[in-house]
C-alpha atoms as a PDB file:
ATOM      1  CA  MET A   1     -38.860 -19.351 -20.081  1.00  0.00           C
ATOM      2  CA  LYS A   2     -34.883 -20.102 -20.996  1.00  0.00           C
ATOM      3  CA  PHE A   3     -33.591 -17.539 -22.537  1.00  0.00           C
ATOM      4  CA  GLY A   4     -29.663 -19.414 -23.333  1.00  0.00           C
ATOM      5  CA  ALA A   5     -30.489 -21.057 -26.978  1.00  0.00           C
ATOM      6  CA  SER A   6     -31.518 -16.676 -28.248  1.00  0.00           C
ATOM      7  CA  ARG A   7     -29.400 -14.909 -26.619  1.00  0.00           C
ATOM      8  CA  SER A   8     -25.570 -17.203 -28.073  1.00  0.00           C
ATOM      9  CA  GLN A   9     -27.621 -17.215 -31.384  1.00  0.00           C
ATOM     10  CA  LEU A  10     -27.876 -13.575 -30.882  1.00  0.00           C
ATOM     11  CA  TYR A  11     -24.350 -13.063 -29.120  1.00  0.00           C
ATOM     12  CA  ASP A  12     -23.400 -14.873 -32.574  1.00  0.00           C
ATOM     13  CA  ALA A  13     -24.822 -12.636 -34.743  1.00  0.00           C
ATOM     14  CA  GLN A  14     -23.744  -9.886 -32.965  1.00  0.00           C
ATOM     15  CA  LYS A  15     -19.672 -11.257 -33.166  1.00  0.00           C
ATOM     16  CA  THR A  16     -20.604 -12.166 -37.485  1.00  0.00           C
ATOM     17  CA  ALA A  17     -21.809  -9.421 -37.879  1.00  0.00           C
ATOM     18  CA  ARG A  18     -18.609  -7.397 -35.947  1.00  0.00           C
ATOM     19  CA  VAL A  19     -15.789  -8.882 -37.764  1.00  0.00           C
ATOM     20  CA  ARG A  20     -17.333  -8.219 -41.369  1.00  0.00           C
ATOM     21  CA  TRP A  21     -17.565  -4.944 -40.350  1.00  0.00           C
ATOM     22  CA  ASP A  22     -13.695  -4.722 -39.482  1.00  0.00           C
ATOM     23  CA  SER A  23     -13.400  -6.231 -42.860  1.00  0.00           C
ATOM     24  CA  THR A  24     -14.887  -3.712 -44.702  1.00  0.00           C
ATOM     25  CA  SER A  25     -12.325  -0.784 -43.743  1.00  0.00           C
ATOM     26  CA  GLU A  26     -10.321  -2.961 -46.025  1.00  0.00           C
ATOM     27  CA  THR A  27     -12.100  -1.946 -49.305  1.00  0.00           C
ATOM     28  CA  TRP A  28     -14.487   0.775 -46.911  1.00  0.00           C
ATOM     29  CA  ASN A  29     -11.887   3.185 -45.568  1.00  0.00           C
ATOM     30  CA  ASP A  30     -13.950   7.334 -46.234  1.00  0.00           C
ATOM     31  CA  GLU A  31     -16.047   9.682 -44.850  1.00  0.00           C
ATOM     32  CA  THR A  32     -19.197   7.283 -45.107  1.00  0.00           C
ATOM     33  CA  ARG A  33     -18.095   4.859 -43.550  1.00  0.00           C
ATOM     34  CA  VAL A  34     -16.928   7.036 -41.214  1.00  0.00           C
ATOM     35  CA  ASP A  35     -20.377   8.802 -40.705  1.00  0.00           C
ATOM     36  CA  PHE A  36     -22.505   5.438 -41.402  1.00  0.00           C
ATOM     37  CA  GLU A  37     -19.854   4.093 -38.041  1.00  0.00           C
ATOM     38  CA  GLU A  38     -21.047   6.618 -36.254  1.00  0.00           C
ATOM     39  CA  GLN A  39     -24.633   7.363 -37.008  1.00  0.00           C
ATOM     40  CA  ILE A  40     -25.910   3.455 -37.683  1.00  0.00           C
ATOM     41  CA  TRP A  41     -23.297   0.874 -37.009  1.00  0.00           C
ATOM     42  CA  ALA A  42     -21.813   2.002 -33.842  1.00  0.00           C
ATOM     43  CA  PRO A  43     -25.695   2.906 -31.746  1.00  0.00           C
ATOM     44  CA  LEU A  44     -26.518  -0.743 -33.070  1.00  0.00           C
ATOM     45  CA  ASP A  45     -23.451  -2.210 -31.686  1.00  0.00           C
ATOM     46  CA  GLN A  46     -24.048  -0.963 -28.460  1.00  0.00           C
ATOM     47  CA  GLN A  47     -27.803  -1.610 -29.075  1.00  0.00           C
ATOM     48  CA  VAL A  48     -27.868  -5.028 -29.178  1.00  0.00           C
ATOM     49  CA  SER A  49     -24.931  -5.969 -25.947  1.00  0.00           C
ATOM     50  CA  ASN A  50     -27.937  -3.284 -23.876  1.00  0.00           C
ATOM     51  CA  VAL A  51     -29.840  -6.512 -24.613  1.00  0.00           C
ATOM     52  CA  LEU A  52     -27.804  -8.953 -24.370  1.00  0.00           C
ATOM     53  CA  ARG A  53     -26.734  -7.377 -21.171  1.00  0.00           C
ATOM     54  CA  ALA A  54     -31.020  -7.049 -20.248  1.00  0.00           C
ATOM     55  CA  VAL A  55     -31.415 -10.631 -21.137  1.00  0.00           C
ATOM     56  CA  ASP A  56     -28.783 -12.108 -18.205  1.00  0.00           C
ATOM     57  CA  LEU A  57     -30.945 -10.053 -15.791  1.00  0.00           C
ATOM     58  CA  LEU A  58     -33.790 -11.167 -16.992  1.00  0.00           C
ATOM     59  CA  SER A  59     -31.812 -15.460 -17.084  1.00  0.00           C
ATOM     60  CA  VAL A  60     -31.567 -14.273 -13.605  1.00  0.00           C
ATOM     61  CA  VAL A  61     -35.207 -13.109 -11.932  1.00  0.00           C
ATOM     62  CA  PHE A  62     -37.116 -15.654 -14.181  1.00  0.00           C
ATOM     63  CA  SER A  63     -34.796 -17.911 -13.010  1.00  0.00           C
ATOM     64  CA  GLN A  64     -35.512 -16.558  -8.851  1.00  0.00           C
ATOM     65  CA  VAL A  65     -39.236 -16.672 -10.272  1.00  0.00           C
ATOM     66  CA  ARG A  66     -39.347 -20.648 -11.070  1.00  0.00           C
ATOM     67  CA  GLN A  67     -37.091 -21.854  -8.245  1.00  0.00           C
ATOM     68  CA  ASP A  68     -39.081 -19.014  -6.136  1.00  0.00           C
ATOM     69  CA  CYS A  69     -42.772 -21.117  -7.180  1.00  0.00           C
ATOM     70  CA  GLU A  70     -41.474 -24.857  -7.262  1.00  0.00           C
ATOM     71  CA  PHE A  71     -43.448 -26.301  -5.035  1.00  0.00           C
ATOM     72  CA  ASN A  72     -41.696 -27.473  -2.163  1.00  0.00           C
ATOM     73  CA  PRO A  73     -43.105 -30.659   0.622  1.00  0.00           C
END
């Protein structure tokens, strides 16, 4: 399995979402925003970071499995 393209897309989406979220503070700066950030945004951003790390680990494992399973006479 190749994880590079999918990982890259997820990483790029996270980066874009972070920039857009940061820009909301210019027009949305009240208690509701703070609550949303604490309850929704921050946990979601952390989950995406965790998924990216998991994809990186899986990529290493699958590369090793592929290497171990190659036929080398």
